[in-house]
């Protein structure tokens, strides 16, 4: 069957899979046999430009170029997401500040009306 679930008393370390092995397992499992980092991998079809050596589709994909391309892409996507999230937070804070100001003014108006005072 498979390996039994690991327990805290299991002395074996967890199995780790490198980023390039994980990608190759999905894309081209047979290319996983090549372990050297700078050797062209036998990957059929055109892939994302970032995965090629020097991001040049005329060149080959190696384990090094694959790992670097995936890391650059992930970093770019995460930075974009973080920037968008930051803008959303700033926008939300501005909206809350505007609402709070409106609520404060309304409360002052209400309070002034109850005490018979003029609006500030």
PDB file of N, CA and C in Angstrom:
ATOM      1  N   UNK A   1       0.840  -1.179   0.000  1.00  0.00           N
ATOM      2  CA  UNK A   1       0.000   0.000   0.000  1.00  0.00           C
ATOM      3  C   UNK A   1       0.870   1.222   0.000  1.00  0.00           C
ATOM      4  N   UNK A   2       0.938   1.928   0.938  1.00  0.00           N
ATOM      5  CA  UNK A   2       1.790   3.096   0.983  1.00  0.00           C
ATOM      6  C   UNK A   2       2.480   3.167   2.307  1.00  0.00           C
ATOM      7  N   UNK A   3       3.231   4.165   2.473  1.00  0.00           N
ATOM      8  CA  UNK A   3       3.928   4.375   3.726  1.00  0.00           C
ATOM      9  C   UNK A   3       2.906   4.796   4.778  1.00  0.00           C
ATOM     10  N   UNK A   4       2.962   4.232   5.971  1.00  0.00           N
ATOM     11  CA  UNK A   4       2.001   4.617   7.013  1.00  0.00           C
ATOM     12  C   UNK A   4       2.220   6.085   7.404  1.00  0.00           C
ATOM     13  N   UNK A   5       1.188   6.711   7.926  1.00  0.00           N
ATOM     14  CA  UNK A   5       1.331   8.108   8.339  1.00  0.00           C
ATOM     15  C   UNK A   5       2.448   8.262   9.356  1.00  0.00           C
ATOM     16  N   UNK A   6       3.159   9.364   9.260  1.00  0.00           N
ATOM     17  CA  UNK A   6       4.259   9.635  10.167  1.00  0.00           C
ATOM     18  C   UNK A   6       3.713   9.988  11.544  1.00  0.00           C
ATOM     19  N   UNK A   7       4.383   9.516  12.561  1.00  0.00           N
ATOM     20  CA  UNK A   7       4.016   9.873  13.932  1.00  0.00           C
ATOM     21  C   UNK A   7       5.178  10.639  14.535  1.00  0.00           C
ATOM     22  N   UNK A   8       4.953  11.237  15.668  1.00  0.00           N
ATOM     23  CA  UNK A   8       6.010  12.020  16.299  1.00  0.00           C
ATOM     24  C   UNK A   8       7.190  11.143  16.702  1.00  0.00           C
ATOM     25  N   UNK A   9       6.973   9.837  16.884  1.00  0.00           N
ATOM     26  CA  UNK A   9       8.077   8.955  17.260  1.00  0.00           C
ATOM     27  C   UNK A   9       8.791   8.382  16.032  1.00  0.00           C
ATOM     28  N   UNK A  10       8.326   8.730  14.832  1.00  0.00           N
ATOM     29  CA  UNK A  10       8.933   8.254  13.589  1.00  0.00           C
ATOM     30  C   UNK A  10      10.266   8.979  13.379  1.00  0.00           C
ATOM     31  N   UNK A  11      11.389   8.248  13.361  1.00  0.00           N
ATOM     32  CA  UNK A  11      12.698   8.895  13.239  1.00  0.00           C
ATOM     33  C   UNK A  11      13.003   9.381  11.816  1.00  0.00           C
ATOM     34  N   UNK A  12      12.200   8.941  10.837  1.00  0.00           N
ATOM     35  CA  UNK A  12      12.477   9.333   9.451  1.00  0.00           C
ATOM     36  C   UNK A  12      12.095  10.788   9.224  1.00  0.00           C
ATOM     37  N   UNK A  13      12.952  11.540   8.531  1.00  0.00           N
ATOM     38  CA  UNK A  13      12.589  12.924   8.216  1.00  0.00           C
ATOM     39  C   UNK A  13      11.500  12.945   7.152  1.00  0.00           C
ATOM     40  N   UNK A  14      10.700  14.010   7.088  1.00  0.00           N
ATOM     41  CA  UNK A  14       9.662  14.082   6.060  1.00  0.00           C
ATOM     42  C   UNK A  14      10.307  14.123   4.677  1.00  0.00           C
ATOM     43  N   UNK A  15       9.642  13.530   3.715  1.00  0.00           N
ATOM     44  CA  UNK A  15      10.156  13.520   2.346  1.00  0.00           C
ATOM     45  C   UNK A  15       9.945  14.897   1.730  1.00  0.00           C
ATOM     46  N   UNK A  16      10.999  15.470   1.217  1.00  0.00           N
ATOM     47  CA  UNK A  16      10.905  16.786   0.598  1.00  0.00           C
ATOM     48  C   UNK A  16      11.123  16.655  -0.897  1.00  0.00           C
ATOM     49  N   UNK A  17      10.370  17.423  -1.640  1.00  0.00           N
ATOM     50  CA  UNK A  17      10.470  17.418  -3.092  1.00  0.00           C
ATOM     51  C   UNK A  17      10.908  18.822  -3.520  1.00  0.00           C
ATOM     52  N   UNK A  18      11.932  18.880  -4.353  1.00  0.00           N
ATOM     53  CA  UNK A  18      12.406  20.179  -4.822  1.00  0.00           C
ATOM     54  C   UNK A  18      11.387  20.791  -5.780  1.00  0.00           C
ATOM     55  N   UNK A  19      11.472  22.100  -5.941  1.00  0.00           N
ATOM     56  CA  UNK A  19      10.551  22.820  -6.818  1.00  0.00           C
ATOM     57  C   UNK A  19      10.642  22.300  -8.249  1.00  0.00           C
ATOM     58  N   UNK A  20      11.849  22.082  -8.737  1.00  0.00           N
ATOM     59  CA  UNK A  20      11.997  21.597 -10.110  1.00  0.00           C
ATOM     60  C   UNK A  20      11.454  20.181 -10.267  1.00  0.00           C
ATOM     61  N   UNK A  21      11.676  19.315  -9.282  1.00  0.00           N
ATOM     62  CA  UNK A  21      11.119  17.954  -9.347  1.00  0.00           C
ATOM     63  C   UNK A  21       9.588  17.985  -9.332  1.00  0.00           C
ATOM     64  N   UNK A  22       9.030  18.835  -8.512  1.00  0.00           N
ATOM     65  CA  UNK A  22       7.573  18.934  -8.441  1.00  0.00           C
ATOM     66  C   UNK A  22       7.007  19.394  -9.781  1.00  0.00           C
ATOM     67  N   UNK A  23       7.596  20.412 -10.359  1.00  0.00           N
ATOM     68  CA  UNK A  23       7.120  20.923 -11.642  1.00  0.00           C
ATOM     69  C   UNK A  23       7.277  19.866 -12.727  1.00  0.00           C
ATOM     70  N   UNK A  24       8.416  19.202 -12.747  1.00  0.00           N
ATOM     71  CA  UNK A  24       8.652  18.180 -13.769  1.00  0.00           C
ATOM     72  C   UNK A  24       7.729  16.975 -13.583  1.00  0.00           C
ATOM     73  N   UNK A  25       7.377  16.667 -12.352  1.00  0.00           N
ATOM     74  CA  UNK A  25       6.473  15.540 -12.105  1.00  0.00           C
ATOM     75  C   UNK A  25       5.134  15.772 -12.799  1.00  0.00           C
ATOM     76  N   UNK A  26       4.727  17.022 -12.892  1.00  0.00           N
ATOM     77  CA  UNK A  26       3.468  17.358 -13.544  1.00  0.00           C
ATOM     78  C   UNK A  26       3.673  17.548 -15.044  1.00  0.00           C
ATOM     79  N   UNK A  27       4.706  18.276 -15.410  1.00  0.00           N
ATOM     80  CA  UNK A  27       4.931  18.647 -16.807  1.00  0.00           C
ATOM     81  C   UNK A  27       5.478  17.496 -17.652  1.00  0.00           C
ATOM     82  N   UNK A  28       6.592  16.943 -17.240  1.00  0.00           N
ATOM     83  CA  UNK A  28       7.264  15.889 -18.001  1.00  0.00           C
ATOM     84  C   UNK A  28       7.969  14.951 -17.029  1.00  0.00           C
ATOM     85  N   UNK A  29       7.264  13.969 -16.516  1.00  0.00           N
ATOM     86  CA  UNK A  29       7.868  13.076 -15.520  1.00  0.00           C
ATOM     87  C   UNK A  29       9.175  12.421 -15.988  1.00  0.00           C
ATOM     88  N   UNK A  30       9.287  12.105 -17.251  1.00  0.00           N
ATOM     89  CA  UNK A  30      10.514  11.446 -17.726  1.00  0.00           C
ATOM     90  C   UNK A  30      11.730  12.357 -17.607  1.00  0.00           C
ATOM     91  N   UNK A  31      11.538  13.673 -17.615  1.00  0.00           N
ATOM     92  CA  UNK A  31      12.666  14.610 -17.503  1.00  0.00           C
ATOM     93  C   UNK A  31      13.248  14.631 -16.098  1.00  0.00           C
ATOM     94  N   UNK A  32      12.555  14.069 -15.149  1.00  0.00           N
ATOM     95  CA  UNK A  32      13.049  14.047 -13.765  1.00  0.00           C
ATOM     96  C   UNK A  32      14.290  13.173 -13.617  1.00  0.00           C
ATOM     97  N   UNK A  33      14.517  12.285 -14.571  1.00  0.00           N
ATOM     98  CA  UNK A  33      15.699  11.407 -14.492  1.00  0.00           C
ATOM     99  C   UNK A  33      16.997  12.202 -14.568  1.00  0.00           C
ATOM    100  N   UNK A  34      16.978  13.309 -15.285  1.00  0.00           N
ATOM    101  CA  UNK A  34      18.189  14.132 -15.415  1.00  0.00           C
ATOM    102  C   UNK A  34      18.344  14.982 -14.166  1.00  0.00           C
ATOM    103  N   UNK A  35      19.403  14.737 -13.409  1.00  0.00           N
ATOM    104  CA  UNK A  35      19.598  15.426 -12.131  1.00  0.00           C
ATOM    105  C   UNK A  35      20.584  16.590 -12.218  1.00  0.00           C
ATOM    106  N   UNK A  36      21.371  16.659 -13.290  1.00  0.00           N
ATOM    107  CA  UNK A  36      22.345  17.748 -13.413  1.00  0.00           C
ATOM    108  C   UNK A  36      21.609  19.064 -13.677  1.00  0.00           C
ATOM    109  N   UNK A  37      22.042  20.116 -13.000  1.00  0.00           N
ATOM    110  CA  UNK A  37      21.327  21.391 -13.018  1.00  0.00           C
ATOM    111  C   UNK A  37      21.428  22.155 -14.323  1.00  0.00           C
ATOM    112  N   UNK A  38      22.507  21.948 -15.081  1.00  0.00           N
ATOM    113  CA  UNK A  38      22.718  22.766 -16.276  1.00  0.00           C
ATOM    114  C   UNK A  38      22.543  22.013 -17.592  1.00  0.00           C
ATOM    115  N   UNK A  39      21.978  20.821 -17.539  1.00  0.00           N
ATOM    116  CA  UNK A  39      21.783  20.000 -18.735  1.00  0.00           C
ATOM    117  C   UNK A  39      20.377  20.248 -19.287  1.00  0.00           C
ATOM    118  N   UNK A  40      20.259  20.439 -20.620  1.00  0.00           N
ATOM    119  CA  UNK A  40      18.931  20.642 -21.209  1.00  0.00           C
ATOM    120  C   UNK A  40      17.994  19.467 -20.906  1.00  0.00           C
ATOM    121  N   UNK A  41      16.774  19.807 -20.547  1.00  0.00           N
ATOM    122  CA  UNK A  41      15.773  18.788 -20.246  1.00  0.00           C
ATOM    123  C   UNK A  41      14.927  18.526 -21.492  1.00  0.00           C
ATOM    124  N   UNK A  42      14.496  17.295 -21.653  1.00  0.00           N
ATOM    125  CA  UNK A  42      13.682  16.914 -22.800  1.00  0.00           C
ATOM    126  C   UNK A  42      12.212  17.212 -22.489  1.00  0.00           C
ATOM    127  N   UNK A  43      11.830  18.469 -22.713  1.00  0.00           N
ATOM    128  CA  UNK A  43      10.462  18.905 -22.450  1.00  0.00           C
ATOM    129  C   UNK A  43       9.836  19.297 -23.781  1.00  0.00           C
ATOM    130  N   UNK A  44       8.749  18.630 -24.127  1.00  0.00           N
ATOM    131  CA  UNK A  44       8.093  18.874 -25.412  1.00  0.00           C
ATOM    132  C   UNK A  44       7.258  20.144 -25.366  1.00  0.00           C
ATOM    133  N   UNK A  45       7.113  20.776 -26.518  1.00  0.00           N
ATOM    134  CA  UNK A  45       6.237  21.942 -26.639  1.00  0.00           C
ATOM    135  C   UNK A  45       6.875  23.210 -26.118  1.00  0.00           C
ATOM    136  N   UNK A  46       6.206  24.299 -26.390  1.00  0.00           N
ATOM    137  CA  UNK A  46       6.700  25.600 -25.945  1.00  0.00           C
ATOM    138  C   UNK A  46       6.176  25.879 -24.544  1.00  0.00           C
ATOM    139  N   UNK A  47       7.068  26.275 -23.684  1.00  0.00           N
ATOM    140  CA  UNK A  47       6.716  26.572 -22.296  1.00  0.00           C
ATOM    141  C   UNK A  47       6.804  28.071 -22.054  1.00  0.00           C
ATOM    142  N   UNK A  48       6.486  28.475 -20.859  1.00  0.00           N
ATOM    143  CA  UNK A  48       6.577  29.887 -20.488  1.00  0.00           C
ATOM    144  C   UNK A  48       8.005  30.375 -20.690  1.00  0.00           C
ATOM    145  N   UNK A  49       8.135  31.561 -21.239  1.00  0.00           N
ATOM    146  CA  UNK A  49       9.451  32.121 -21.566  1.00  0.00           C
ATOM    147  C   UNK A  49      10.389  32.113 -20.357  1.00  0.00           C
ATOM    148  N   UNK A  50       9.883  32.396 -19.192  1.00  0.00           N
ATOM    149  CA  UNK A  50      10.715  32.490 -17.991  1.00  0.00           C
ATOM    150  C   UNK A  50      11.413  31.183 -17.638  1.00  0.00           C
ATOM    151  N   UNK A  51      10.935  30.067 -18.148  1.00  0.00           N
ATOM    152  CA  UNK A  51      11.516  28.767 -17.795  1.00  0.00           C
ATOM    153  C   UNK A  51      12.758  28.419 -18.603  1.00  0.00           C
ATOM    154  N   UNK A  52      13.007  29.152 -19.672  1.00  0.00           N
ATOM    155  CA  UNK A  52      14.161  28.876 -20.531  1.00  0.00           C
ATOM    156  C   UNK A  52      15.401  29.597 -20.008  1.00  0.00           C
ATOM    157  N   UNK A  53      16.565  29.079 -20.355  1.00  0.00           N
ATOM    158  CA  UNK A  53      17.823  29.727 -19.994  1.00  0.00           C
ATOM    159  C   UNK A  53      17.794  31.141 -20.571  1.00  0.00           C
ATOM    160  N   UNK A  54      18.088  32.128 -19.747  1.00  0.00           N
ATOM    161  CA  UNK A  54      18.075  33.544 -20.120  1.00  0.00           C
ATOM    162  C   UNK A  54      16.714  33.990 -20.677  1.00  0.00           C
ATOM    163  N   UNK A  55      15.645  33.294 -20.334  1.00  0.00           N
ATOM    164  CA  UNK A  55      14.288  33.604 -20.810  1.00  0.00           C
ATOM    165  C   UNK A  55      14.225  33.679 -22.333  1.00  0.00           C
ATOM    166  N   UNK A  56      15.012  32.842 -22.981  1.00  0.00           N
ATOM    167  CA  UNK A  56      15.112  32.820 -24.449  1.00  0.00           C
ATOM    168  C   UNK A  56      14.594  31.473 -24.945  1.00  0.00           C
ATOM    169  N   UNK A  57      13.472  31.490 -25.635  1.00  0.00           N
ATOM    170  CA  UNK A  57      12.870  30.243 -26.107  1.00  0.00           C
ATOM    171  C   UNK A  57      13.719  29.527 -27.148  1.00  0.00           C
ATOM    172  N   UNK A  58      14.728  30.189 -27.664  1.00  0.00           N
ATOM    173  CA  UNK A  58      15.653  29.534 -28.601  1.00  0.00           C
ATOM    174  C   UNK A  58      16.634  28.633 -27.845  1.00  0.00           C
ATOM    175  N   UNK A  59      16.739  28.855 -26.547  1.00  0.00           N
ATOM    176  CA  UNK A  59      17.620  28.042 -25.705  1.00  0.00           C
ATOM    177  C   UNK A  59      16.793  26.939 -25.062  1.00  0.00           C
ATOM    178  N   UNK A  60      17.423  26.142 -24.254  1.00  0.00           N
ATOM    179  CA  UNK A  60      16.727  25.010 -23.634  1.00  0.00           C
ATOM    180  C   UNK A  60      16.272  25.357 -22.213  1.00  0.00           C
ATOM    181  N   UNK A  61      15.534  24.426 -21.645  1.00  0.00           N
ATOM    182  CA  UNK A  61      15.140  24.519 -20.239  1.00  0.00           C
ATOM    183  C   UNK A  61      16.040  23.567 -19.464  1.00  0.00           C
ATOM    184  N   UNK A  62      16.634  24.075 -18.404  1.00  0.00           N
ATOM    185  CA  UNK A  62      17.454  23.248 -17.515  1.00  0.00           C
ATOM    186  C   UNK A  62      16.806  23.274 -16.135  1.00  0.00           C
ATOM    187  N   UNK A  63      17.288  22.451 -15.247  1.00  0.00           N
ATOM    188  CA  UNK A  63      16.763  22.495 -13.870  1.00  0.00           C
ATOM    189  C   UNK A  63      16.993  23.866 -13.255  1.00  0.00           C
ATOM    190  N   UNK A  64      18.177  24.443 -13.501  1.00  0.00           N
ATOM    191  CA  UNK A  64      18.466  25.787 -12.968  1.00  0.00           C
ATOM    192  C   UNK A  64      17.511  26.828 -13.534  1.00  0.00           C
ATOM    193  N   UNK A  65      17.328  26.839 -14.859  1.00  0.00           N
ATOM    194  CA  UNK A  65      16.463  27.849 -15.465  1.00  0.00           C
ATOM    195  C   UNK A  65      15.012  27.648 -15.031  1.00  0.00           C
ATOM    196  N   UNK A  66      14.615  26.407 -14.873  1.00  0.00           N
ATOM    197  CA  UNK A  66      13.259  26.088 -14.429  1.00  0.00           C
ATOM    198  C   UNK A  66      13.015  26.635 -13.025  1.00  0.00           C
ATOM    199  N   UNK A  67      13.928  26.348 -12.115  1.00  0.00           N
ATOM    200  CA  UNK A  67      13.795  26.815 -10.733  1.00  0.00           C
ATOM    201  C   UNK A  67      13.811  28.340 -10.669  1.00  0.00           C
ATOM    202  N   UNK A  68      14.754  28.963 -11.364  1.00  0.00           N
ATOM    203  CA  UNK A  68      14.840  30.428 -11.351  1.00  0.00           C
ATOM    204  C   UNK A  68      13.585  31.059 -11.946  1.00  0.00           C
ATOM    205  N   UNK A  69      13.097  30.512 -13.054  1.00  0.00           N
ATOM    206  CA  UNK A  69      11.896  31.052 -13.689  1.00  0.00           C
ATOM    207  C   UNK A  69      10.676  30.934 -12.793  1.00  0.00           C
ATOM    208  N   UNK A  70      10.520  29.793 -12.151  1.00  0.00           N
ATOM    209  CA  UNK A  70       9.376  29.598 -11.256  1.00  0.00           C
ATOM    210  C   UNK A  70       9.456  30.533 -10.050  1.00  0.00           C
ATOM    211  N   UNK A  71      10.651  30.699  -9.501  1.00  0.00           N
ATOM    212  CA  UNK A  71      10.808  31.591  -8.353  1.00  0.00           C
ATOM    213  C   UNK A  71      10.551  33.047  -8.734  1.00  0.00           C
ATOM    214  N   UNK A  72      11.056  33.472  -9.888  1.00  0.00           N
ATOM    215  CA  UNK A  72      10.809  34.856 -10.339  1.00  0.00           C
ATOM    216  C   UNK A  72       9.314  35.087 -10.565  1.00  0.00           C
ATOM    217  N   UNK A  73       8.664  34.123 -11.195  1.00  0.00           N
ATOM    218  CA  UNK A  73       7.230  34.260 -11.460  1.00  0.00           C
ATOM    219  C   UNK A  73       6.441  34.334 -10.146  1.00  0.00           C
ATOM    220  N   UNK A  74       6.747  33.441  -9.227  1.00  0.00           N
ATOM    221  CA  UNK A  74       6.045  33.443  -7.938  1.00  0.00           C
ATOM    222  C   UNK A  74       6.273  34.754  -7.201  1.00  0.00           C
ATOM    223  N   UNK A  75       7.495  35.249  -7.222  1.00  0.00           N
ATOM    224  CA  UNK A  75       7.809  36.508  -6.553  1.00  0.00           C
ATOM    225  C   UNK A  75       7.031  37.662  -7.180  1.00  0.00           C
ATOM    226  N   UNK A  76       6.987  37.707  -8.504  1.00  0.00           N
ATOM    227  CA  UNK A  76       6.270  38.771  -9.206  1.00  0.00           C
ATOM    228  C   UNK A  76       4.768  38.723  -8.877  1.00  0.00           C
ATOM    229  N   UNK A  77       4.195  37.535  -8.915  1.00  0.00           N
ATOM    230  CA  UNK A  77       2.755  37.396  -8.638  1.00  0.00           C
ATOM    231  C   UNK A  77       2.451  37.765  -7.190  1.00  0.00           C
ATOM    232  N   UNK A  78       3.280  37.303  -6.271  1.00  0.00           N
ATOM    233  CA  UNK A  78       3.047  37.617  -4.859  1.00  0.00           C
ATOM    234  C   UNK A  78       3.222  39.102  -4.585  1.00  0.00           C
ATOM    235  N   UNK A  79       4.194  39.734  -5.216  1.00  0.00           N
ATOM    236  CA  UNK A  79       4.392  41.172  -5.027  1.00  0.00           C
ATOM    237  C   UNK A  79       3.205  41.961  -5.583  1.00  0.00           C
ATOM    238  N   UNK A  80       2.683  41.540  -6.737  1.00  0.00           N
ATOM    239  CA  UNK A  80       1.509  42.206  -7.300  1.00  0.00           C
ATOM    240  C   UNK A  80       0.317  42.052  -6.367  1.00  0.00           C
ATOM    241  N   UNK A  81       0.137  40.844  -5.852  1.00  0.00           N
ATOM    242  CA  UNK A  81      -0.985  40.591  -4.938  1.00  0.00           C
ATOM    243  C   UNK A  81      -0.834  41.434  -3.672  1.00  0.00           C
ATOM    244  N   UNK A  82       0.387  41.494  -3.165  1.00  0.00           N
ATOM    245  CA  UNK A  82       0.632  42.270  -1.951  1.00  0.00           C
ATOM    246  C   UNK A  82       0.379  43.753  -2.206  1.00  0.00           C
ATOM    247  N   UNK A  83       0.798  44.252  -3.369  1.00  0.00           N
ATOM    248  CA  UNK A  83       0.572  45.660  -3.698  1.00  0.00           C
ATOM    249  C   UNK A  83      -0.924  45.947  -3.819  1.00  0.00           C
ATOM    250  N   UNK A  84      -1.658  45.034  -4.460  1.00  0.00           N
ATOM    251  CA  UNK A  84      -3.100  45.222  -4.611  1.00  0.00           C
ATOM    252  C   UNK A  84      -3.782  45.165  -3.259  1.00  0.00           C
ATOM    253  N   UNK A  85      -3.325  44.256  -2.410  1.00  0.00           N
ATOM    254  CA  UNK A  85      -3.908  44.153  -1.068  1.00  0.00           C
ATOM    255  C   UNK A  85      -3.637  45.420  -0.284  1.00  0.00           C
ATOM    256  N   UNK A  86      -2.418  45.956  -0.425  1.00  0.00           N
ATOM    257  CA  UNK A  86      -2.070  47.193   0.263  1.00  0.00           C
ATOM    258  C   UNK A  86      -2.944  48.345  -0.188  1.00  0.00           C
ATOM    259  N   UNK A  87      -3.196  48.442  -1.501  1.00  0.00           N
ATOM    260  CA  UNK A  87      -4.061  49.505  -2.028  1.00  0.00           C
ATOM    261  C   UNK A  87      -5.475  49.337  -1.502  1.00  0.00           C
ATOM    262  N   UNK A  88      -5.929  48.099  -1.431  1.00  0.00           N
ATOM    263  CA  UNK A  88      -7.278  47.841  -0.936  1.00  0.00           C
ATOM    264  C   UNK A  88      -7.403  48.259   0.529  1.00  0.00           C
ATOM    265  N   UNK A  89      -6.368  47.993   1.317  1.00  0.00           N
ATOM    266  CA  UNK A  89      -6.397  48.355   2.734  1.00  0.00           C
ATOM    267  C   UNK A  89      -6.421  49.868   2.889  1.00  0.00           C
ATOM    268  N   UNK A  90      -5.592  50.568   2.101  1.00  0.00           N
ATOM    269  CA  UNK A  90      -5.572  52.030   2.171  1.00  0.00           C
ATOM    270  C   UNK A  90      -6.935  52.589   1.773  1.00  0.00           C
ATOM    271  N   UNK A  91      -7.496  52.067   0.682  1.00  0.00           N
ATOM    272  CA  UNK A  91      -8.801  52.521   0.213  1.00  0.00           C
ATOM    273  C   UNK A  91      -9.874  52.266   1.276  1.00  0.00           C
ATOM    274  N   UNK A  92      -9.822  51.102   1.888  1.00  0.00           N
ATOM    275  CA  UNK A  92     -10.811  50.772   2.921  1.00  0.00           C
ATOM    276  C   UNK A  92     -10.663  51.702   4.118  1.00  0.00           C
ATOM    277  N   UNK A  93      -9.433  52.001   4.500  1.00  0.00           N
ATOM    278  CA  UNK A  93      -9.212  52.919   5.619  1.00  0.00           C
ATOM    279  C   UNK A  93      -9.756  54.308   5.303  1.00  0.00           C
ATOM    280  N   UNK A  94      -9.536  54.763   4.064  1.00  0.00           N
ATOM    281  CA  UNK A  94     -10.059  56.074   3.665  1.00  0.00           C
ATOM    282  C   UNK A  94     -11.578  56.082   3.716  1.00  0.00           C
ATOM    283  N   UNK A  95     -12.194  55.000   3.244  1.00  0.00           N
ATOM    284  CA  UNK A  95     -13.652  54.920   3.269  1.00  0.00           C
ATOM    285  C   UNK A  95     -14.170  54.917   4.703  1.00  0.00           C
ATOM    286  N   UNK A  96     -13.496  54.158   5.579  1.00  0.00           N
ATOM    287  CA  UNK A  96     -13.909  54.123   6.985  1.00  0.00           C
ATOM    288  C   UNK A  96     -13.746  55.488   7.637  1.00  0.00           C
ATOM    289  N   UNK A  97     -12.649  56.166   7.312  1.00  0.00           N
ATOM    290  CA  UNK A  97     -12.433  57.502   7.875  1.00  0.00           C
ATOM    291  C   UNK A  97     -13.535  58.454   7.420  1.00  0.00           C
ATOM    292  N   UNK A  98     -13.894  58.372   6.148  1.00  0.00           N
ATOM    293  CA  UNK A  98     -14.963  59.231   5.627  1.00  0.00           C
ATOM    294  C   UNK A  98     -16.286  58.912   6.315  1.00  0.00           C
ATOM    295  N   UNK A  99     -16.584  57.618   6.478  1.00  0.00           N
ATOM    296  CA  UNK A  99     -17.832  57.227   7.160  1.00  0.00           C
ATOM    297  C   UNK A  99     -17.817  57.687   8.608  1.00  0.00           C
ATOM    298  N   UNK A 100     -16.671  57.511   9.274  1.00  0.00           N
ATOM    299  CA  UNK A 100     -16.582  57.913  10.675  1.00  0.00           C
ATOM    300  C   UNK A 100     -16.770  59.408  10.823  1.00  0.00           C
ATOM    301  N   UNK A 101     -16.224  60.193   9.908  1.00  0.00           N
ATOM    302  CA  UNK A 101     -16.411  61.645   9.956  1.00  0.00           C
ATOM    303  C   UNK A 101     -17.882  61.985   9.799  1.00  0.00           C
ATOM    304  N   UNK A 102     -18.560  61.309   8.887  1.00  0.00           N
ATOM    305  CA  UNK A 102     -19.984  61.540   8.660  1.00  0.00           C
ATOM    306  C   UNK A 102     -20.769  61.190   9.918  1.00  0.00           C
ATOM    307  N   UNK A 103     -20.414  60.046  10.528  1.00  0.00           N
ATOM    308  CA  UNK A 103     -21.098  59.618  11.742  1.00  0.00           C
ATOM    309  C   UNK A 103     -20.842  60.612  12.862  1.00  0.00           C
ATOM    310  N   UNK A 104     -19.605  61.108  12.999  1.00  0.00           N
ATOM    311  CA  UNK A 104     -19.282  62.080  14.036  1.00  0.00           C
ATOM    312  C   UNK A 104     -20.099  63.352  13.856  1.00  0.00           C
ATOM    313  N   UNK A 105     -20.196  63.844  12.623  1.00  0.00           N
ATOM    314  CA  UNK A 105     -20.964  65.054  12.346  1.00  0.00           C
ATOM    315  C   UNK A 105     -22.438  64.822  12.675  1.00  0.00           C
ATOM    316  N   UNK A 106     -22.964  63.652  12.262  1.00  0.00           N
ATOM    317  CA  UNK A 106     -24.367  63.347  12.530  1.00  0.00           C
ATOM    318  C   UNK A 106     -24.621  63.273  14.025  1.00  0.00           C
ATOM    319  N   UNK A 107     -23.682  62.696  14.771  1.00  0.00           N
ATOM    320  CA  UNK A 107     -23.849  62.599  16.217  1.00  0.00           C
ATOM    321  C   UNK A 107     -23.809  63.977  16.860  1.00  0.00           C
ATOM    322  N   UNK A 108     -22.919  64.842  16.388  1.00  0.00           N
ATOM    323  CA  UNK A 108     -22.847  66.200  16.920  1.00  0.00           C
ATOM    324  C   UNK A 108     -24.139  66.956  16.627  1.00  0.00           C
ATOM    325  N   UNK A 109     -24.647  66.789  15.405  1.00  0.00           N
ATOM    326  CA  UNK A 109     -25.900  67.446  15.028  1.00  0.00           C
ATOM    327  C   UNK A 109     -27.036  66.979  15.932  1.00  0.00           C
ATOM    328  N   UNK A 110     -27.097  65.669  16.151  1.00  0.00           N
ATOM    329  CA  UNK A 110     -28.146  65.082  16.977  1.00  0.00           C
ATOM    330  C   UNK A 110     -28.027  65.583  18.412  1.00  0.00           C
ATOM    331  N   UNK A 111     -26.805  65.612  18.915  1.00  0.00           N
ATOM    332  CA  UNK A 111     -26.573  66.061  20.283  1.00  0.00           C
ATOM    333  C   UNK A 111     -26.946  67.526  20.440  1.00  0.00           C
ATOM    334  N   UNK A 112     -26.577  68.332  19.455  1.00  0.00           N
ATOM    335  CA  UNK A 112     -26.890  69.762  19.508  1.00  0.00           C
ATOM    336  C   UNK A 112     -28.394  69.985  19.466  1.00  0.00           C
ATOM    337  N   UNK A 113     -29.079  69.213  18.663  1.00  0.00           N
ATOM    338  CA  UNK A 113     -30.530  69.354  18.559  1.00  0.00           C
ATOM    339  C   UNK A 113     -31.207  69.015  19.885  1.00  0.00           C
ATOM    340  N   UNK A 114     -30.718  68.012  20.561  1.00  0.00           N
ATOM    341  CA  UNK A 114     -31.314  67.596  21.834  1.00  0.00           C
ATOM    342  C   UNK A 114     -31.108  68.647  22.914  1.00  0.00           C
ATOM    343  N   UNK A 115     -29.972  69.322  22.885  1.00  0.00           N
ATOM    344  CA  UNK A 115     -29.701  70.297  23.946  1.00  0.00           C
ATOM    345  C   UNK A 115     -30.123  71.707  23.560  1.00  0.00           C
ATOM    346  N   UNK A 116     -30.616  71.838  22.334  1.00  0.00           N
ATOM    347  CA  UNK A 116     -31.072  73.149  21.876  1.00  0.00           C
ATOM    348  C   UNK A 116     -29.950  74.060  21.443  1.00  0.00           C
ATOM    349  N   UNK A 117     -28.766  73.513  21.243  1.00  0.00           N
ATOM    350  CA  UNK A 117     -27.633  74.322  20.811  1.00  0.00           C
ATOM    351  C   UNK A 117     -27.603  74.406  19.300  1.00  0.00           C
ATOM    352  N   UNK A 118     -26.879  75.384  18.822  1.00  0.00           N
ATOM    353  CA  UNK A 118     -26.667  75.520  17.400  1.00  0.00           C
ATOM    354  C   UNK A 118     -25.667  74.477  16.915  1.00  0.00           C
ATOM    355  N   UNK A 119     -25.759  74.193  15.660  1.00  0.00           N
ATOM    356  CA  UNK A 119     -24.793  73.257  15.057  1.00  0.00           C
ATOM    357  C   UNK A 119     -23.404  73.880  15.079  1.00  0.00           C
ATOM    358  N   UNK A 120     -22.386  73.071  15.341  1.00  0.00           N
ATOM    359  CA  UNK A 120     -21.023  73.630  15.378  1.00  0.00           C
ATOM    360  C   UNK A 120     -20.575  74.075  14.011  1.00  0.00           C
TER     361      UNK A 120
END
